[in-house]
PDB file of N, CA and C in Angstrom:
ATOM      1  N   MET A   1     -13.853  22.961  15.731  1.00  0.00           N
ATOM      2  CA  MET A   1     -14.352  22.933  17.223  1.00  0.00           C
ATOM      3  C   MET A   1     -13.996  24.072  18.361  1.00  0.00           C
ATOM      4  N   SER A   2     -15.102  23.982  19.094  1.00  0.00           N
ATOM      5  CA  SER A   2     -15.349  24.931  19.981  1.00  0.00           C
ATOM      6  C   SER A   2     -15.313  24.070  21.315  1.00  0.00           C
ATOM      7  N   ILE A   3     -14.811  24.392  22.295  1.00  0.00           N
ATOM      8  CA  ILE A   3     -14.771  24.343  23.704  1.00  0.00           C
ATOM      9  C   ILE A   3     -15.178  25.181  24.637  1.00  0.00           C
ATOM     10  N   CYS A   4     -16.378  24.688  25.495  1.00  0.00           N
ATOM     11  CA  CYS A   4     -16.966  25.569  26.275  1.00  0.00           C
ATOM     12  C   CYS A   4     -16.398  25.733  27.865  1.00  0.00           C
ATOM     13  N   LEU A   5     -15.720  26.728  28.104  1.00  0.00           N
ATOM     14  CA  LEU A   5     -15.303  27.016  29.442  1.00  0.00           C
ATOM     15  C   LEU A   5     -16.243  27.719  30.391  1.00  0.00           C
ATOM     16  N   ARG A   6     -17.275  28.081  30.353  1.00  0.00           N
ATOM     17  CA  ARG A   6     -17.994  28.768  31.160  1.00  0.00           C
ATOM     18  C   ARG A   6     -17.825  28.190  32.544  1.00  0.00           C
ATOM     19  N   GLY A   7     -17.973  27.117  32.713  1.00  0.00           N
ATOM     20  CA  GLY A   7     -18.249  26.193  34.085  1.00  0.00           C
ATOM     21  C   GLY A   7     -16.893  26.310  34.940  1.00  0.00           C
ATOM     22  N   PHE A   8     -15.684  26.532  34.023  1.00  0.00           N
ATOM     23  CA  PHE A   8     -14.557  26.303  34.619  1.00  0.00           C
ATOM     24  C   PHE A   8     -13.843  27.636  35.013  1.00  0.00           C
ATOM     25  N   ALA A   9     -14.208  28.654  34.191  1.00  0.00           N
ATOM     26  CA  ALA A   9     -14.104  30.217  34.682  1.00  0.00           C
ATOM     27  C   ALA A   9     -14.584  30.683  36.182  1.00  0.00           C
ATOM     28  N   ASP A  10     -15.805  29.636  36.581  1.00  0.00           N
ATOM     29  CA  ASP A  10     -15.983  29.815  38.112  1.00  0.00           C
ATOM     30  C   ASP A  10     -15.033  29.467  38.829  1.00  0.00           C
ATOM     31  N   THR A  11     -14.454  28.984  38.337  1.00  0.00           N
ATOM     32  CA  THR A  11     -13.474  28.310  39.435  1.00  0.00           C
ATOM     33  C   THR A  11     -12.493  29.759  40.339  1.00  0.00           C
ATOM     34  N   ARG A  12     -11.581  29.425  41.295  1.00  0.00           N
ATOM     35  CA  ARG A  12     -10.851  30.412  41.578  1.00  0.00           C
ATOM     36  C   ARG A  12      -9.878  30.600  40.983  1.00  0.00           C
ATOM     37  N   ALA A  13      -9.034  29.639  40.406  1.00  0.00           N
ATOM     38  CA  ALA A  13      -7.946  29.399  39.567  1.00  0.00           C
ATOM     39  C   ALA A  13      -8.023  29.907  38.420  1.00  0.00           C
ATOM     40  N   LEU A  14      -9.307  29.997  37.937  1.00  0.00           N
ATOM     41  CA  LEU A  14      -9.656  30.680  36.078  1.00  0.00           C
ATOM     42  C   LEU A  14     -10.685  31.259  36.134  1.00  0.00           C
ATOM     43  N   LYS A  15     -11.109  32.031  37.325  1.00  0.00           N
ATOM     44  CA  LYS A  15     -11.857  33.209  37.569  1.00  0.00           C
ATOM     45  C   LYS A  15     -11.471  34.629  36.635  1.00  0.00           C
ATOM     46  N   ARG A  16     -10.282  34.829  36.500  1.00  0.00           N
ATOM     47  CA  ARG A  16     -10.276  35.997  35.415  1.00  0.00           C
ATOM     48  C   ARG A  16     -10.523  35.695  34.102  1.00  0.00           C
ATOM     49  N   LEU A  17     -10.559  34.374  33.831  1.00  0.00           N
ATOM     50  CA  LEU A  17     -10.943  34.586  32.347  1.00  0.00           C
ATOM     51  C   LEU A  17     -12.800  34.702  32.062  1.00  0.00           C
ATOM     52  N   SER A  18     -13.099  34.915  33.404  1.00  0.00           N
ATOM     53  CA  SER A  18     -14.526  35.490  32.774  1.00  0.00           C
ATOM     54  C   SER A  18     -14.496  37.138  32.333  1.00  0.00           C
ATOM     55  N   SER A  19     -13.238  37.801  32.325  1.00  0.00           N
ATOM     56  CA  SER A  19     -13.196  38.998  32.077  1.00  0.00           C
ATOM     57  C   SER A  19     -12.969  38.876  30.550  1.00  0.00           C
ATOM     58  N   ALA A  20     -13.774  39.242  29.334  1.00  0.00           N
ATOM     59  CA  ALA A  20     -13.447  39.504  27.831  1.00  0.00           C
ATOM     60  C   ALA A  20     -12.316  39.875  27.547  1.00  0.00           C
ATOM     61  N   SER A  21     -11.853  41.078  28.001  1.00  0.00           N
ATOM     62  CA  SER A  21     -10.658  41.660  27.778  1.00  0.00           C
ATOM     63  C   SER A  21      -9.337  40.492  28.202  1.00  0.00           C
ATOM     64  N   MET A  22      -9.735  40.027  29.310  1.00  0.00           N
ATOM     65  CA  MET A  22      -8.529  38.942  29.630  1.00  0.00           C
ATOM     66  C   MET A  22      -8.496  37.747  28.615  1.00  0.00           C
ATOM     67  N   PHE A  23      -9.765  37.351  28.667  1.00  0.00           N
ATOM     68  CA  PHE A  23     -10.000  36.022  27.610  1.00  0.00           C
ATOM     69  C   PHE A  23      -9.228  36.313  25.965  1.00  0.00           C
ATOM     70  N   ALA A  24      -9.458  37.596  26.075  1.00  0.00           N
ATOM     71  CA  ALA A  24      -8.953  37.758  24.438  1.00  0.00           C
ATOM     72  C   ALA A  24      -7.729  37.810  24.311  1.00  0.00           C
ATOM     73  N   GLN A  25      -6.677  37.946  25.416  1.00  0.00           N
ATOM     74  CA  GLN A  25      -5.422  37.973  25.465  1.00  0.00           C
ATOM     75  C   GLN A  25      -4.767  36.108  25.249  1.00  0.00           C
ATOM     76  N   ALA A  26      -5.471  35.605  24.849  1.00  0.00           N
ATOM     77  CA  ALA A  26      -4.659  34.071  24.863  1.00  0.00           C
ATOM     78  C   ALA A  26      -4.156  34.042  23.489  1.00  0.00           C
ATOM     79  N   ARG A  27      -2.933  33.102  23.850  1.00  0.00           N
ATOM     80  CA  ARG A  27      -1.746  32.965  22.726  1.00  0.00           C
ATOM     81  C   ARG A  27      -1.461  31.680  23.079  1.00  0.00           C
ATOM     82  N   ILE A  28      -0.982  30.771  22.002  1.00  0.00           N
ATOM     83  CA  ILE A  28      -0.905  29.468  21.910  1.00  0.00           C
ATOM     84  C   ILE A  28       0.748  29.080  22.872  1.00  0.00           C
ATOM     85  N   SER A  29       1.398  28.671  23.537  1.00  0.00           N
ATOM     86  CA  SER A  29       2.502  28.253  24.190  1.00  0.00           C
ATOM     87  C   SER A  29       3.472  28.215  22.863  1.00  0.00           C
ATOM     88  N   GLU A  30       5.096  28.382  23.195  1.00  0.00           N
ATOM     89  CA  GLU A  30       5.847  28.354  22.313  1.00  0.00           C
ATOM     90  C   GLU A  30       6.001  27.124  21.295  1.00  0.00           C
ATOM     91  N   HIS A  31       5.563  25.905  22.379  1.00  0.00           N
ATOM     92  CA  HIS A  31       5.867  24.426  21.921  1.00  0.00           C
ATOM     93  C   HIS A  31       4.512  24.480  21.163  1.00  0.00           C
ATOM     94  N   GLY A  32       3.497  24.776  21.626  1.00  0.00           N
ATOM     95  CA  GLY A  32       1.964  24.484  21.067  1.00  0.00           C
ATOM     96  C   GLY A  32       1.538  23.285  22.589  1.00  0.00           C
ATOM     97  N   THR A  33       1.750  23.656  23.207  1.00  0.00           N
ATOM     98  CA  THR A  33       1.368  22.367  24.511  1.00  0.00           C
ATOM     99  C   THR A  33       0.307  23.100  25.457  1.00  0.00           C
ATOM    100  N   ALA A  34       0.192  24.531  25.033  1.00  0.00           N
ATOM    101  CA  ALA A  34      -1.139  25.141  25.852  1.00  0.00           C
ATOM    102  C   ALA A  34      -1.455  26.092  25.350  1.00  0.00           C
ATOM    103  N   VAL A  35      -2.464  27.054  26.054  1.00  0.00           N
ATOM    104  CA  VAL A  35      -2.856  28.060  25.678  1.00  0.00           C
ATOM    105  C   VAL A  35      -2.795  29.061  26.981  1.00  0.00           C
ATOM    106  N   ILE A  36      -2.136  30.182  26.528  1.00  0.00           N
ATOM    107  CA  ILE A  36      -1.428  30.726  27.642  1.00  0.00           C
ATOM    108  C   ILE A  36      -2.266  32.485  27.614  1.00  0.00           C
ATOM    109  N   TRP A  37      -2.739  32.559  28.859  1.00  0.00           N
ATOM    110  CA  TRP A  37      -3.103  34.209  29.258  1.00  0.00           C
ATOM    111  C   TRP A  37      -2.008  35.136  30.212  1.00  0.00           C
ATOM    112  N   ILE A  38      -1.445  34.155  31.226  1.00  0.00           N
ATOM    113  CA  ILE A  38      -0.509  35.019  32.143  1.00  0.00           C
ATOM    114  C   ILE A  38       0.463  33.907  32.010  1.00  0.00           C
ATOM    115  N   ASP A  39       1.907  34.488  31.547  1.00  0.00           N
ATOM    116  CA  ASP A  39       3.179  33.720  31.624  1.00  0.00           C
ATOM    117  C   ASP A  39       3.073  32.886  33.120  1.00  0.00           C
ATOM    118  N   ASP A  40       3.421  31.370  33.228  1.00  0.00           N
ATOM    119  CA  ASP A  40       3.653  31.108  34.492  1.00  0.00           C
ATOM    120  C   ASP A  40       2.739  31.219  35.648  1.00  0.00           C
ATOM    121  N   GLU A  41       1.668  31.351  35.017  1.00  0.00           N
ATOM    122  CA  GLU A  41       0.250  31.724  36.094  1.00  0.00           C
ATOM    123  C   GLU A  41      -0.924  31.798  35.453  1.00  0.00           C
ATOM    124  N   LEU A  42      -1.315  31.727  34.566  1.00  0.00           N
ATOM    125  CA  LEU A  42      -2.747  31.457  33.940  1.00  0.00           C
ATOM    126  C   LEU A  42      -2.720  30.698  32.642  1.00  0.00           C
ATOM    127  N   ASP A  43      -2.850  29.445  32.460  1.00  0.00           N
ATOM    128  CA  ASP A  43      -3.112  28.454  31.035  1.00  0.00           C
ATOM    129  C   ASP A  43      -3.477  27.596  31.281  1.00  0.00           C
ATOM    130  N   LEU A  44      -3.916  26.732  30.105  1.00  0.00           N
ATOM    131  CA  LEU A  44      -4.554  25.605  30.139  1.00  0.00           C
ATOM    132  C   LEU A  44      -3.524  24.617  29.028  1.00  0.00           C
ATOM    133  N   GLY A  45      -3.347  23.458  29.499  1.00  0.00           N
ATOM    134  CA  GLY A  45      -2.606  22.809  28.706  1.00  0.00           C
ATOM    135  C   GLY A  45      -3.528  22.016  27.845  1.00  0.00           C
ATOM    136  N   THR A  46      -2.736  21.689  26.570  1.00  0.00           N
ATOM    137  CA  THR A  46      -3.991  21.134  25.336  1.00  0.00           C
ATOM    138  C   THR A  46      -3.930  19.748  25.916  1.00  0.00           C
ATOM    139  N   ASP A  47      -3.670  19.051  27.012  1.00  0.00           N
ATOM    140  CA  ASP A  47      -4.163  17.588  27.147  1.00  0.00           C
ATOM    141  C   ASP A  47      -5.575  17.900  27.899  1.00  0.00           C
ATOM    142  N   ASN A  48      -5.797  18.596  28.929  1.00  0.00           N
ATOM    143  CA  ASN A  48      -6.963  19.188  29.550  1.00  0.00           C
ATOM    144  C   ASN A  48      -7.998  20.138  28.763  1.00  0.00           C
ATOM    145  N   LEU A  49      -7.489  20.583  27.319  1.00  0.00           N
ATOM    146  CA  LEU A  49      -8.475  20.947  26.186  1.00  0.00           C
ATOM    147  C   LEU A  49      -9.184  19.984  25.761  1.00  0.00           C
ATOM    148  N   HIS A  50      -7.809  18.934  25.085  1.00  0.00           N
ATOM    149  CA  HIS A  50      -8.534  17.904  24.565  1.00  0.00           C
ATOM    150  C   HIS A  50      -9.548  16.927  25.387  1.00  0.00           C
ATOM    151  N   ASN A  51      -9.476  16.700  26.717  1.00  0.00           N
ATOM    152  CA  ASN A  51     -10.271  16.175  27.529  1.00  0.00           C
ATOM    153  C   ASN A  51     -11.797  16.694  27.655  1.00  0.00           C
ATOM    154  N   LEU A  52     -11.510  18.036  27.547  1.00  0.00           N
ATOM    155  CA  LEU A  52     -12.707  18.895  27.635  1.00  0.00           C
ATOM    156  C   LEU A  52     -13.647  18.636  26.513  1.00  0.00           C
ATOM    157  N   ALA A  53     -12.801  18.894  25.299  1.00  0.00           N
ATOM    158  CA  ALA A  53     -13.430  18.696  24.022  1.00  0.00           C
ATOM    159  C   ALA A  53     -14.147  17.091  23.938  1.00  0.00           C
ATOM    160  N   VAL A  54     -13.397  16.154  24.106  1.00  0.00           N
ATOM    161  CA  VAL A  54     -14.152  14.817  24.007  1.00  0.00           C
ATOM    162  C   VAL A  54     -15.442  14.821  25.041  1.00  0.00           C
ATOM    163  N   GLU A  55     -15.309  15.259  26.117  1.00  0.00           N
ATOM    164  CA  GLU A  55     -16.186  14.815  27.131  1.00  0.00           C
ATOM    165  C   GLU A  55     -17.554  15.945  26.660  1.00  0.00           C
ATOM    166  N   GLN A  56     -17.094  17.194  26.038  1.00  0.00           N
ATOM    167  CA  GLN A  56     -18.289  17.919  25.779  1.00  0.00           C
ATOM    168  C   GLN A  56     -18.949  17.413  24.540  1.00  0.00           C
ATOM    169  N   ALA A  57     -18.346  16.494  23.893  1.00  0.00           N
ATOM    170  CA  ALA A  57     -18.684  15.812  22.836  1.00  0.00           C
ATOM    171  C   ALA A  57     -19.562  14.543  23.021  1.00  0.00           C
ATOM    172  N   GLY A  58     -19.593  14.328  24.420  1.00  0.00           N
ATOM    173  CA  GLY A  58     -20.168  12.898  24.922  1.00  0.00           C
ATOM    174  C   GLY A  58     -19.743  12.098  25.034  1.00  0.00           C
ATOM    175  N   GLY A  59     -18.436  11.953  24.634  1.00  0.00           N
ATOM    176  CA  GLY A  59     -17.576  10.931  25.272  1.00  0.00           C
ATOM    177  C   GLY A  59     -16.423  11.024  26.472  1.00  0.00           C
ATOM    178  N   ILE A  60     -16.024   9.950  26.734  1.00  0.00           N
ATOM    179  CA  ILE A  60     -15.280  10.060  28.083  1.00  0.00           C
ATOM    180  C   ILE A  60     -13.888  10.089  27.953  1.00  0.00           C
ATOM    181  N   GLY A  61     -13.480  11.448  28.525  1.00  0.00           N
ATOM    182  CA  GLY A  61     -12.179  11.675  28.728  1.00  0.00           C
ATOM    183  C   GLY A  61     -11.296  10.849  29.444  1.00  0.00           C
ATOM    184  N   HIS A  62      -9.737  11.068  28.954  1.00  0.00           N
ATOM    185  CA  HIS A  62      -8.793  10.420  29.670  1.00  0.00           C
ATOM    186  C   HIS A  62      -8.920  10.743  31.216  1.00  0.00           C
ATOM    187  N   GLU A  63      -9.165  11.854  31.877  1.00  0.00           N
ATOM    188  CA  GLU A  63      -9.234  12.159  33.205  1.00  0.00           C
ATOM    189  C   GLU A  63     -10.281  11.240  33.915  1.00  0.00           C
ATOM    190  N   ARG A  64     -11.196  10.536  33.608  1.00  0.00           N
ATOM    191  CA  ARG A  64     -12.090  10.054  34.130  1.00  0.00           C
ATOM    192  C   ARG A  64     -11.804   8.467  33.858  1.00  0.00           C
ATOM    193  N   ASP A  65     -11.183   8.285  33.139  1.00  0.00           N
ATOM    194  CA  ASP A  65     -10.723   6.442  33.021  1.00  0.00           C
ATOM    195  C   ASP A  65     -10.057   5.996  34.029  1.00  0.00           C
ATOM    196  N   LEU A  66      -9.014   6.658  34.704  1.00  0.00           N
ATOM    197  CA  LEU A  66      -8.584   5.932  35.992  1.00  0.00           C
ATOM    198  C   LEU A  66      -9.231   6.798  37.035  1.00  0.00           C
ATOM    199  N   VAL A  67      -9.838   5.921  38.158  1.00  0.00           N
ATOM    200  CA  VAL A  67     -10.368   6.590  39.149  1.00  0.00           C
ATOM    201  C   VAL A  67     -10.003   5.893  40.378  1.00  0.00           C
ATOM    202  N   PRO A  68      -9.392   6.244  41.446  1.00  0.00           N
ATOM    203  CA  PRO A  68      -8.985   5.343  42.932  1.00  0.00           C
ATOM    204  C   PRO A  68     -10.051   4.737  43.333  1.00  0.00           C
ATOM    205  N   ALA A  69     -10.005   3.396  43.876  1.00  0.00           N
ATOM    206  CA  ALA A  69     -10.915   2.657  44.572  1.00  0.00           C
ATOM    207  C   ALA A  69     -10.821   3.261  46.235  1.00  0.00           C
ATOM    208  N   PRO A  70     -12.066   2.797  46.833  1.00  0.00           N
ATOM    209  CA  PRO A  70     -12.318   3.349  47.876  1.00  0.00           C
ATOM    210  C   PRO A  70     -11.275   2.635  48.565  1.00  0.00           C
ATOM    211  N   PRO A  71     -10.423   3.122  49.980  1.00  0.00           N
ATOM    212  CA  PRO A  71      -9.766   2.629  50.716  1.00  0.00           C
ATOM    213  C   PRO A  71     -10.275   1.229  51.409  1.00  0.00           C
ATOM    214  N   GLY A  72      -9.391  -0.034  51.456  1.00  0.00           N
ATOM    215  CA  GLY A  72      -9.980  -1.195  52.139  1.00  0.00           C
ATOM    216  C   GLY A  72     -10.270  -1.097  53.386  1.00  0.00           C
ATOM    217  N   PRO A  73     -10.766  -2.157  54.074  1.00  0.00           N
ATOM    218  CA  PRO A  73     -10.956  -2.150  55.489  1.00  0.00           C
ATOM    219  C   PRO A  73      -9.632  -1.582  56.419  1.00  0.00           C
ATOM    220  N   ASP A  74      -8.715  -1.871  55.977  1.00  0.00           N
ATOM    221  CA  ASP A  74      -7.377  -1.697  56.873  1.00  0.00           C
ATOM    222  C   ASP A  74      -6.736  -0.228  56.487  1.00  0.00           C
ATOM    223  N   ASN A  75      -7.710   0.159  55.850  1.00  0.00           N
ATOM    224  CA  ASN A  75      -7.637   1.743  55.107  1.00  0.00           C
ATOM    225  C   ASN A  75      -6.021   2.015  54.030  1.00  0.00           C
ATOM    226  N   GLU A  76      -5.704   0.551  53.621  1.00  0.00           N
ATOM    227  CA  GLU A  76      -4.646   0.010  52.757  1.00  0.00           C
ATOM    228  C   GLU A  76      -4.589   1.222  51.819  1.00  0.00           C
ATOM    229  N   ARG A  77      -3.596   1.170  51.231  1.00  0.00           N
ATOM    230  CA  ARG A  77      -3.294   2.278  49.936  1.00  0.00           C
ATOM    231  C   ARG A  77      -4.406   1.727  48.878  1.00  0.00           C
ATOM    232  N   PRO A  78      -5.301   2.757  48.152  1.00  0.00           N
ATOM    233  CA  PRO A  78      -5.844   2.234  47.154  1.00  0.00           C
ATOM    234  C   PRO A  78      -5.619   1.596  45.931  1.00  0.00           C
ATOM    235  N   GLN A  79      -6.067   1.092  45.213  1.00  0.00           N
ATOM    236  CA  GLN A  79      -5.874   0.698  44.097  1.00  0.00           C
ATOM    237  C   GLN A  79      -6.374   1.484  43.089  1.00  0.00           C
ATOM    238  N   PHE A  80      -6.198   1.250  41.820  1.00  0.00           N
ATOM    239  CA  PHE A  80      -6.995   1.998  40.485  1.00  0.00           C
ATOM    240  C   PHE A  80      -7.523   1.217  39.724  1.00  0.00           C
ATOM    241  N   ARG A  81      -8.552   1.677  39.697  1.00  0.00           N
ATOM    242  CA  ARG A  81      -9.905   0.644  38.630  1.00  0.00           C
ATOM    243  C   ARG A  81     -10.090   1.479  37.248  1.00  0.00           C
ATOM    244  N   LEU A  82     -10.325   0.861  36.240  1.00  0.00           N
ATOM    245  CA  LEU A  82     -10.947   1.231  35.253  1.00  0.00           C
ATOM    246  C   LEU A  82     -12.477   1.782  35.536  1.00  0.00           C
ATOM    247  N   THR A  83     -12.878   2.717  34.781  1.00  0.00           N
ATOM    248  CA  THR A  83     -14.392   3.103  35.064  1.00  0.00           C
ATOM    249  C   THR A  83     -14.904   3.795  34.023  1.00  0.00           C
ATOM    250  N   ARG A  84     -16.426   3.472  33.432  1.00  0.00           N
ATOM    251  CA  ARG A  84     -16.568   4.583  32.824  1.00  0.00           C
ATOM    252  C   ARG A  84     -17.474   5.502  33.687  1.00  0.00           C
ATOM    253  N   ARG A  85     -17.527   5.888  34.246  1.00  0.00           N
ATOM    254  CA  ARG A  85     -18.307   6.874  35.349  1.00  0.00           C
ATOM    255  C   ARG A  85     -18.156   7.793  35.041  1.00  0.00           C
ATOM    256  N   HIS A  86     -19.770   8.982  34.786  1.00  0.00           N
ATOM    257  CA  HIS A  86     -19.443  10.184  34.380  1.00  0.00           C
ATOM    258  C   HIS A  86     -19.339  11.118  35.813  1.00  0.00           C
ATOM    259  N   ALA A  87     -18.757  11.918  35.694  1.00  0.00           N
ATOM    260  CA  ALA A  87     -18.759  13.099  36.548  1.00  0.00           C
ATOM    261  C   ALA A  87     -20.088  13.992  36.842  1.00  0.00           C
TER     262      ALA A  87
END
């Protein structure tokens, strides 16, 4: 399985991954819960990578399952609702 990070490497947080030499430094964390490039600074958790894999395969990832509902008329605290909306 492969995951495309092209769009994510354009974000400010992951911009350094655009460099092939930086990307090549990837390693698995000690407990296998992240891919790390720079300790405590540049990494991607396996839950996020799994979510990307699901979405890139045409599924709905866990990060899109719960979406805050818009505030009500009295600006009350939003409730969460299940949705199948794609971003």
